[in-house]
Structure formats: C-alpha cells, structure tokens
Amino acid sequence: MITDFVQDADTYEICVLKIDVEGAEELALSPMVQGGGWLPDVILMETRHAADWNRDLIGEITALGFETAFEADGNTLFARQGRR
C-alpha cells in the first residue's frame, strides 16, 4: 500500500510523488487521498485515463489544496498551494 512507502516522507523538506500505473492511479492513490495523513508537495501523475476512473480523483486532489501547475501528453503536475 502506498501509505507504507511514504510514512517517513514528512521528514523531508520537499516531497514529489510521481505515479504512472497505466490507468490504476485512482486505486493506487486512494489510501493517500482519503487517509487524511501525509501528502506530498507535488504530484506528477498520468491523467489520460481519468474518464475511465470510478471516482473524481482529480477533484479529490484539488479539494486537498493542490492546483494544476502543468499539463502535457496526458500527464498532470499538481502542486500543493503555497508549496511552489
């Protein structure tokens, strides 16, 4: 589970999460997004499959205080407000 890998990440000054799991981003990121715990400063993820997801993962990410900083080739870079 992703939360197992990021449990010590809050000790770092800047944290970037890059994920590309061929359309399964909603499943992979769900524990982190819904967990209410640690969040990275920046998320770079493939969003080209967003229309196939069962949830609005992009909406959930932006509701957590992230904003779209860049989009290209089916990928989106989200930066947490105040962390750019």
PDB file of N, CA and C in Angstrom:
ATOM      1  N   MET A   1       0.834  -1.170   0.000  1.00  0.00           N
ATOM      2  CA  MET A   1       0.000   0.000   0.000  1.00  0.00           C
ATOM      3  C   MET A   1       0.891   1.250   0.000  1.00  0.00           C
ATOM      4  N   ILE A   2       0.479   2.276  -0.685  1.00  0.00           N
ATOM      5  CA  ILE A   2       1.291   3.482  -0.834  1.00  0.00           C
ATOM      6  C   ILE A   2       1.622   4.133   0.508  1.00  0.00           C
ATOM      7  N   THR A   3       0.726   4.052   1.451  1.00  0.00           N
ATOM      8  CA  THR A   3       0.977   4.684   2.751  1.00  0.00           C
ATOM      9  C   THR A   3       2.151   4.028   3.476  1.00  0.00           C
ATOM     10  N   ASP A   4       2.440   2.778   3.187  1.00  0.00           N
ATOM     11  CA  ASP A   4       3.596   2.112   3.776  1.00  0.00           C
ATOM     12  C   ASP A   4       4.906   2.707   3.271  1.00  0.00           C
ATOM     13  N   PHE A   5       4.925   3.173   2.042  1.00  0.00           N
ATOM     14  CA  PHE A   5       6.135   3.705   1.449  1.00  0.00           C
ATOM     15  C   PHE A   5       6.385   5.160   1.818  1.00  0.00           C
ATOM     16  N   VAL A   6       5.368   5.888   2.209  1.00  0.00           N
ATOM     17  CA  VAL A   6       5.517   7.326   2.459  1.00  0.00           C
ATOM     18  C   VAL A   6       5.466   7.698   3.934  1.00  0.00           C
ATOM     19  N   GLN A   7       5.454   6.718   4.818  1.00  0.00           N
ATOM     20  CA  GLN A   7       5.276   7.017   6.235  1.00  0.00           C
ATOM     21  C   GLN A   7       6.361   7.920   6.814  1.00  0.00           C
ATOM     22  N   ASP A   8       7.586   7.905   6.292  1.00  0.00           N
ATOM     23  CA  ASP A   8       8.647   8.764   6.798  1.00  0.00           C
ATOM     24  C   ASP A   8       8.864  10.002   5.937  1.00  0.00           C
ATOM     25  N   ALA A   9       8.069  10.192   4.915  1.00  0.00           N
ATOM     26  CA  ALA A   9       8.291  11.273   3.961  1.00  0.00           C
ATOM     27  C   ALA A   9       8.108  12.659   4.559  1.00  0.00           C
ATOM     28  N   ASP A  10       7.364  12.787   5.649  1.00  0.00           N
ATOM     29  CA  ASP A  10       7.139  14.115   6.215  1.00  0.00           C
ATOM     30  C   ASP A  10       8.396  14.696   6.844  1.00  0.00           C
ATOM     31  N   THR A  11       9.454  13.927   6.921  1.00  0.00           N
ATOM     32  CA  THR A  11      10.719  14.445   7.458  1.00  0.00           C
ATOM     33  C   THR A  11      11.554  15.148   6.389  1.00  0.00           C
ATOM     34  N   TYR A  12      11.155  15.033   5.133  1.00  0.00           N
ATOM     35  CA  TYR A  12      11.889  15.664   4.037  1.00  0.00           C
ATOM     36  C   TYR A  12      11.366  17.069   3.791  1.00  0.00           C
ATOM     37  N   GLU A  13      12.254  17.929   3.294  1.00  0.00           N
ATOM     38  CA  GLU A  13      11.881  19.324   3.056  1.00  0.00           C
ATOM     39  C   GLU A  13      10.876  19.456   1.915  1.00  0.00           C
ATOM     40  N   ILE A  14      11.108  18.752   0.821  1.00  0.00           N
ATOM     41  CA  ILE A  14      10.202  18.770  -0.324  1.00  0.00           C
ATOM     42  C   ILE A  14       9.985  17.339  -0.772  1.00  0.00           C
ATOM     43  N   CYS A  15       8.739  16.976  -1.031  1.00  0.00           N
ATOM     44  CA  CYS A  15       8.425  15.624  -1.474  1.00  0.00           C
ATOM     45  C   CYS A  15       7.620  15.668  -2.765  1.00  0.00           C
ATOM     46  N   VAL A  16       8.076  14.875  -3.724  1.00  0.00           N
ATOM     47  CA  VAL A  16       7.402  14.766  -5.012  1.00  0.00           C
ATOM     48  C   VAL A  16       6.984  13.312  -5.193  1.00  0.00           C
ATOM     49  N   LEU A  17       5.744  13.112  -5.548  1.00  0.00           N
ATOM     50  CA  LEU A  17       5.247  11.777  -5.842  1.00  0.00           C
ATOM     51  C   LEU A  17       4.977  11.706  -7.335  1.00  0.00           C
ATOM     52  N   LYS A  18       5.641  10.789  -8.029  1.00  0.00           N
ATOM     53  CA  LYS A  18       5.430  10.576  -9.454  1.00  0.00           C
ATOM     54  C   LYS A  18       4.807   9.191  -9.602  1.00  0.00           C
ATOM     55  N   ILE A  19       3.673   9.115 -10.244  1.00  0.00           N
ATOM     56  CA  ILE A  19       2.996   7.829 -10.385  1.00  0.00           C
ATOM     57  C   ILE A  19       2.438   7.670 -11.797  1.00  0.00           C
ATOM     58  N   ASP A  20       2.647   6.494 -12.363  1.00  0.00           N
ATOM     59  CA  ASP A  20       2.099   6.129 -13.673  1.00  0.00           C
ATOM     60  C   ASP A  20       1.847   4.631 -13.620  1.00  0.00           C
ATOM     61  N   VAL A  21       0.631   4.262 -13.360  1.00  0.00           N
ATOM     62  CA  VAL A  21       0.273   2.847 -13.246  1.00  0.00           C
ATOM     63  C   VAL A  21      -0.795   2.463 -14.264  1.00  0.00           C
ATOM     64  N   GLU A  22      -0.673   3.056 -15.442  1.00  0.00           N
ATOM     65  CA  GLU A  22      -1.496   2.698 -16.596  1.00  0.00           C
ATOM     66  C   GLU A  22      -2.989   2.660 -16.319  1.00  0.00           C
ATOM     67  N   GLY A  23      -3.501   3.724 -15.715  1.00  0.00           N
ATOM     68  CA  GLY A  23      -4.935   3.857 -15.514  1.00  0.00           C
ATOM     69  C   GLY A  23      -5.421   3.460 -14.133  1.00  0.00           C
ATOM     70  N   ALA A  24      -4.556   2.888 -13.322  1.00  0.00           N
ATOM     71  CA  ALA A  24      -4.964   2.451 -11.979  1.00  0.00           C
ATOM     72  C   ALA A  24      -4.596   3.480 -10.912  1.00  0.00           C
ATOM     73  N   GLU A  25      -4.376   4.721 -11.314  1.00  0.00           N
ATOM     74  CA  GLU A  25      -3.994   5.761 -10.372  1.00  0.00           C
ATOM     75  C   GLU A  25      -5.030   5.954  -9.269  1.00  0.00           C
ATOM     76  N   GLU A  26      -6.303   5.862  -9.604  1.00  0.00           N
ATOM     77  CA  GLU A  26      -7.329   6.044  -8.567  1.00  0.00           C
ATOM     78  C   GLU A  26      -7.227   4.972  -7.496  1.00  0.00           C
ATOM     79  N   LEU A  27      -6.897   3.766  -7.868  1.00  0.00           N
ATOM     80  CA  LEU A  27      -6.750   2.685  -6.892  1.00  0.00           C
ATOM     81  C   LEU A  27      -5.467   2.851  -6.073  1.00  0.00           C
ATOM     82  N   ALA A  28      -4.396   3.217  -6.751  1.00  0.00           N
ATOM     83  CA  ALA A  28      -3.107   3.347  -6.074  1.00  0.00           C
ATOM     84  C   ALA A  28      -3.081   4.522  -5.109  1.00  0.00           C
ATOM     85  N   LEU A  29      -3.707   5.631  -5.478  1.00  0.00           N
ATOM     86  CA  LEU A  29      -3.656   6.840  -4.652  1.00  0.00           C
ATOM     87  C   LEU A  29      -4.787   6.948  -3.643  1.00  0.00           C
ATOM     88  N   SER A  30      -5.786   6.106  -3.761  1.00  0.00           N
ATOM     89  CA  SER A  30      -6.944   6.186  -2.875  1.00  0.00           C
ATOM     90  C   SER A  30      -6.581   6.200  -1.391  1.00  0.00           C
ATOM     91  N   PRO A  31      -5.719   5.319  -0.902  1.00  0.00           N
ATOM     92  CA  PRO A  31      -5.399   5.346   0.540  1.00  0.00           C
ATOM     93  C   PRO A  31      -4.765   6.669   0.981  1.00  0.00           C
ATOM     94  N   MET A  32      -3.955   7.258   0.132  1.00  0.00           N
ATOM     95  CA  MET A  32      -3.296   8.511   0.479  1.00  0.00           C
ATOM     96  C   MET A  32      -4.290   9.677   0.446  1.00  0.00           C
ATOM     97  N   VAL A  33      -5.097   9.734  -0.591  1.00  0.00           N
ATOM     98  CA  VAL A  33      -6.030  10.846  -0.769  1.00  0.00           C
ATOM     99  C   VAL A  33      -7.129  10.814   0.296  1.00  0.00           C
ATOM    100  N   GLN A  34      -7.608   9.646   0.638  1.00  0.00           N
ATOM    101  CA  GLN A  34      -8.697   9.526   1.595  1.00  0.00           C
ATOM    102  C   GLN A  34      -8.221   9.379   3.034  1.00  0.00           C
ATOM    103  N   GLY A  35      -6.916   9.143   3.218  1.00  0.00           N
ATOM    104  CA  GLY A  35      -6.386   8.853   4.536  1.00  0.00           C
ATOM    105  C   GLY A  35      -6.288  10.022   5.486  1.00  0.00           C
ATOM    106  N   GLY A  36      -6.214  11.239   4.956  1.00  0.00           N
ATOM    107  CA  GLY A  36      -6.135  12.407   5.812  1.00  0.00           C
ATOM    108  C   GLY A  36      -4.801  12.589   6.502  1.00  0.00           C
ATOM    109  N   GLY A  37      -3.787  11.839   6.066  1.00  0.00           N
ATOM    110  CA  GLY A  37      -2.461  11.950   6.670  1.00  0.00           C
ATOM    111  C   GLY A  37      -1.494  12.729   5.793  1.00  0.00           C
ATOM    112  N   TRP A  38      -0.323  12.176   5.649  1.00  0.00           N
ATOM    113  CA  TRP A  38       0.744  12.817   4.875  1.00  0.00           C
ATOM    114  C   TRP A  38       0.334  13.018   3.427  1.00  0.00           C
ATOM    115  N   LEU A  39       0.745  14.155   2.863  1.00  0.00           N
ATOM    116  CA  LEU A  39       0.567  14.437   1.443  1.00  0.00           C
ATOM    117  C   LEU A  39       1.869  15.006   0.899  1.00  0.00           C
ATOM    118  N   PRO A  40       2.203  14.681  -0.342  1.00  0.00           N
ATOM    119  CA  PRO A  40       3.410  15.251  -0.941  1.00  0.00           C
ATOM    120  C   PRO A  40       3.188  16.726  -1.265  1.00  0.00           C
ATOM    121  N   ASP A  41       4.267  17.415  -1.586  1.00  0.00           N
ATOM    122  CA  ASP A  41       4.156  18.805  -2.025  1.00  0.00           C
ATOM    123  C   ASP A  41       3.721  18.881  -3.481  1.00  0.00           C
ATOM    124  N   VAL A  42       4.144  17.896  -4.261  1.00  0.00           N
ATOM    125  CA  VAL A  42       3.875  17.863  -5.698  1.00  0.00           C
ATOM    126  C   VAL A  42       3.505  16.434  -6.086  1.00  0.00           C
ATOM    127  N   ILE A  43       2.516  16.318  -6.964  1.00  0.00           N
ATOM    128  CA  ILE A  43       2.134  15.022  -7.526  1.00  0.00           C
ATOM    129  C   ILE A  43       2.211  15.134  -9.040  1.00  0.00           C
ATOM    130  N   LEU A  44       2.980  14.259  -9.655  1.00  0.00           N
ATOM    131  CA  LEU A  44       3.017  14.152 -11.109  1.00  0.00           C
ATOM    132  C   LEU A  44       2.403  12.806 -11.447  1.00  0.00           C
ATOM    133  N   MET A  45       1.302  12.840 -12.158  1.00  0.00           N
ATOM    134  CA  MET A  45       0.602  11.587 -12.444  1.00  0.00           C
ATOM    135  C   MET A  45      -0.012  11.580 -13.829  1.00  0.00           C
ATOM    136  N   GLU A  46      -0.180  10.371 -14.354  1.00  0.00           N
ATOM    137  CA  GLU A  46      -0.854  10.200 -15.631  1.00  0.00           C
ATOM    138  C   GLU A  46      -2.349  10.398 -15.402  1.00  0.00           C
ATOM    139  N   THR A  47      -2.943  11.286 -16.169  1.00  0.00           N
ATOM    140  CA  THR A  47      -4.369  11.567 -16.026  1.00  0.00           C
ATOM    141  C   THR A  47      -5.144  11.264 -17.309  1.00  0.00           C
ATOM    142  N   ARG A  48      -4.480  10.704 -18.290  1.00  0.00           N
ATOM    143  CA  ARG A  48      -5.154  10.429 -19.568  1.00  0.00           C
ATOM    144  C   ARG A  48      -6.298   9.429 -19.416  1.00  0.00           C
ATOM    145  N   HIS A  49      -6.305   8.636 -18.355  1.00  0.00           N
ATOM    146  CA  HIS A  49      -7.355   7.634 -18.135  1.00  0.00           C
ATOM    147  C   HIS A  49      -8.435   8.119 -17.164  1.00  0.00           C
ATOM    148  N   ALA A  50      -8.435   9.382 -16.825  1.00  0.00           N
ATOM    149  CA  ALA A  50      -9.359   9.912 -15.814  1.00  0.00           C
ATOM    150  C   ALA A  50     -10.827   9.632 -16.147  1.00  0.00           C
ATOM    151  N   ALA A  51     -11.188   9.629 -17.406  1.00  0.00           N
ATOM    152  CA  ALA A  51     -12.581   9.381 -17.796  1.00  0.00           C
ATOM    153  C   ALA A  51     -13.010   7.944 -17.481  1.00  0.00           C
ATOM    154  N   ASP A  52     -12.046   7.049 -17.315  1.00  0.00           N
ATOM    155  CA  ASP A  52     -12.344   5.646 -17.023  1.00  0.00           C
ATOM    156  C   ASP A  52     -12.408   5.355 -15.524  1.00  0.00           C
ATOM    157  N   TRP A  53     -11.975   6.288 -14.706  1.00  0.00           N
ATOM    158  CA  TRP A  53     -11.966   6.072 -13.257  1.00  0.00           C
ATOM    159  C   TRP A  53     -13.380   6.116 -12.707  1.00  0.00           C
ATOM    160  N   ASN A  54     -13.618   5.420 -11.622  1.00  0.00           N
ATOM    161  CA  ASN A  54     -14.929   5.385 -10.983  1.00  0.00           C
ATOM    162  C   ASN A  54     -15.173   6.573 -10.060  1.00  0.00           C
ATOM    163  N   ARG A  55     -14.126   7.327  -9.772  1.00  0.00           N
ATOM    164  CA  ARG A  55     -14.233   8.491  -8.884  1.00  0.00           C
ATOM    165  C   ARG A  55     -13.565   9.679  -9.547  1.00  0.00           C
ATOM    166  N   ASP A  56     -13.818  10.832  -9.001  1.00  0.00           N
ATOM    167  CA  ASP A  56     -13.190  12.061  -9.480  1.00  0.00           C
ATOM    168  C   ASP A  56     -11.907  12.296  -8.687  1.00  0.00           C
ATOM    169  N   LEU A  57     -10.867  11.511  -9.001  1.00  0.00           N
ATOM    170  CA  LEU A  57      -9.600  11.613  -8.283  1.00  0.00           C
ATOM    171  C   LEU A  57      -8.992  13.003  -8.425  1.00  0.00           C
ATOM    172  N   ILE A  58      -9.101  13.589  -9.593  1.00  0.00           N
ATOM    173  CA  ILE A  58      -8.557  14.932  -9.800  1.00  0.00           C
ATOM    174  C   ILE A  58      -9.283  15.936  -8.904  1.00  0.00           C
ATOM    175  N   GLY A  59     -10.591  15.823  -8.812  1.00  0.00           N
ATOM    176  CA  GLY A  59     -11.361  16.694  -7.924  1.00  0.00           C
ATOM    177  C   GLY A  59     -10.976  16.503  -6.466  1.00  0.00           C
ATOM    178  N   GLU A  60     -10.732  15.253  -6.086  1.00  0.00           N
ATOM    179  CA  GLU A  60     -10.328  14.970  -4.702  1.00  0.00           C
ATOM    180  C   GLU A  60      -8.955  15.565  -4.403  1.00  0.00           C
ATOM    181  N   ILE A  61      -8.052  15.487  -5.360  1.00  0.00           N
ATOM    182  CA  ILE A  61      -6.711  16.042  -5.182  1.00  0.00           C
ATOM    183  C   ILE A  61      -6.779  17.561  -5.062  1.00  0.00           C
ATOM    184  N   THR A  62      -7.562  18.191  -5.919  1.00  0.00           N
ATOM    185  CA  THR A  62      -7.658  19.655  -5.837  1.00  0.00           C
ATOM    186  C   THR A  62      -8.381  20.089  -4.561  1.00  0.00           C
ATOM    187  N   ALA A  63      -9.314  19.290  -4.075  1.00  0.00           N
ATOM    188  CA  ALA A  63     -10.005  19.618  -2.820  1.00  0.00           C
ATOM    189  C   ALA A  63      -9.055  19.559  -1.626  1.00  0.00           C
ATOM    190  N   LEU A  64      -7.948  18.844  -1.777  1.00  0.00           N
ATOM    191  CA  LEU A  64      -6.949  18.765  -0.719  1.00  0.00           C
ATOM    192  C   LEU A  64      -5.970  19.942  -0.739  1.00  0.00           C
ATOM    193  N   GLY A  65      -6.187  20.879  -1.665  1.00  0.00           N
ATOM    194  CA  GLY A  65      -5.337  22.064  -1.709  1.00  0.00           C
ATOM    195  C   GLY A  65      -4.291  22.053  -2.805  1.00  0.00           C
ATOM    196  N   PHE A  66      -4.406  21.127  -3.743  1.00  0.00           N
ATOM    197  CA  PHE A  66      -3.486  21.085  -4.880  1.00  0.00           C
ATOM    198  C   PHE A  66      -4.089  21.866  -6.033  1.00  0.00           C
ATOM    199  N   GLU A  67      -3.230  22.441  -6.845  1.00  0.00           N
ATOM    200  CA  GLU A  67      -3.697  23.103  -8.059  1.00  0.00           C
ATOM    201  C   GLU A  67      -2.884  22.579  -9.239  1.00  0.00           C
ATOM    202  N   THR A  68      -3.502  22.592 -10.396  1.00  0.00           N
ATOM    203  CA  THR A  68      -2.819  22.135 -11.600  1.00  0.00           C
ATOM    204  C   THR A  68      -1.750  23.150 -11.961  1.00  0.00           C
ATOM    205  N   ALA A  69      -0.512  22.681 -12.008  1.00  0.00           N
ATOM    206  CA  ALA A  69       0.614  23.552 -12.343  1.00  0.00           C
ATOM    207  C   ALA A  69       1.038  23.384 -13.790  1.00  0.00           C
ATOM    208  N   PHE A  70       0.777  22.185 -14.354  1.00  0.00           N
ATOM    209  CA  PHE A  70       1.221  21.902 -15.719  1.00  0.00           C
ATOM    210  C   PHE A  70       0.499  20.666 -16.225  1.00  0.00           C
ATOM    211  N   GLU A  71       0.155  20.678 -17.521  1.00  0.00           N
ATOM    212  CA  GLU A  71      -0.450  19.520 -18.170  1.00  0.00           C
ATOM    213  C   GLU A  71       0.196  19.313 -19.520  1.00  0.00           C
ATOM    214  N   ALA A  72       0.549  18.058 -19.846  1.00  0.00           N
ATOM    215  CA  ALA A  72       1.107  17.736 -21.154  1.00  0.00           C
ATOM    216  C   ALA A  72       1.062  16.236 -21.381  1.00  0.00           C
ATOM    217  N   ASP A  73       0.757  15.835 -22.593  1.00  0.00           N
ATOM    218  CA  ASP A  73       0.812  14.432 -23.005  1.00  0.00           C
ATOM    219  C   ASP A  73       0.091  13.478 -22.057  1.00  0.00           C
ATOM    220  N   GLY A  74      -1.063  13.867 -21.560  1.00  0.00           N
ATOM    221  CA  GLY A  74      -1.847  13.002 -20.705  1.00  0.00           C
ATOM    222  C   GLY A  74      -1.350  12.904 -19.279  1.00  0.00           C
ATOM    223  N   ASN A  75      -0.481  13.822 -18.889  1.00  0.00           N
ATOM    224  CA  ASN A  75       0.046  13.864 -17.530  1.00  0.00           C
ATOM    225  C   ASN A  75      -0.263  15.227 -16.917  1.00  0.00           C
ATOM    226  N   THR A  76      -0.412  15.235 -15.600  1.00  0.00           N
ATOM    227  CA  THR A  76      -0.701  16.485 -14.895  1.00  0.00           C
ATOM    228  C   THR A  76       0.230  16.601 -13.698  1.00  0.00           C
ATOM    229  N   LEU A  77       0.734  17.805 -13.506  1.00  0.00           N
ATOM    230  CA  LEU A  77       1.550  18.127 -12.342  1.00  0.00           C
ATOM    231  C   LEU A  77       0.700  18.958 -11.395  1.00  0.00           C
ATOM    232  N   PHE A  78       0.456  18.425 -10.200  1.00  0.00           N
ATOM    233  CA  PHE A  78      -0.313  19.118  -9.177  1.00  0.00           C
ATOM    234  C   PHE A  78       0.654  19.607  -8.110  1.00  0.00           C
ATOM    235  N   ALA A  79       0.522  20.873  -7.714  1.00  0.00           N
ATOM    236  CA  ALA A  79       1.358  21.422  -6.652  1.00  0.00           C
ATOM    237  C   ALA A  79       0.443  21.883  -5.528  1.00  0.00           C
ATOM    238  N   ARG A  80       0.848  21.547  -4.304  1.00  0.00           N
ATOM    239  CA  ARG A  80       0.056  21.981  -3.159  1.00  0.00           C
ATOM    240  C   ARG A  80       0.192  23.488  -3.019  1.00  0.00           C
ATOM    241  N   GLN A  81      -0.917  24.168  -2.813  1.00  0.00           N
ATOM    242  CA  GLN A  81      -0.915  25.625  -2.691  1.00  0.00           C
ATOM    243  C   GLN A  81       0.059  26.047  -1.614  1.00  0.00           C
ATOM    244  N   GLY A  82       0.865  27.065  -1.942  1.00  0.00           N
ATOM    245  CA  GLY A  82       1.851  27.573  -1.015  1.00  0.00           C
ATOM    246  C   GLY A  82       3.155  26.793  -0.983  1.00  0.00           C
ATOM    247  N   ARG A  83       3.288  25.750  -1.812  1.00  0.00           N
ATOM    248  CA  ARG A  83       4.495  24.930  -1.810  1.00  0.00           C
ATOM    249  C   ARG A  83       5.283  25.023  -3.106  1.00  0.00           C
ATOM    250  N   ARG A  84       4.931  25.937  -3.976  1.00  0.00           N
ATOM    251  CA  ARG A  84       5.664  26.089  -5.246  1.00  0.00           C
ATOM    252  C   ARG A  84       6.940  26.834  -5.018  1.00  0.00           C
TER     253      ARG A  84
END
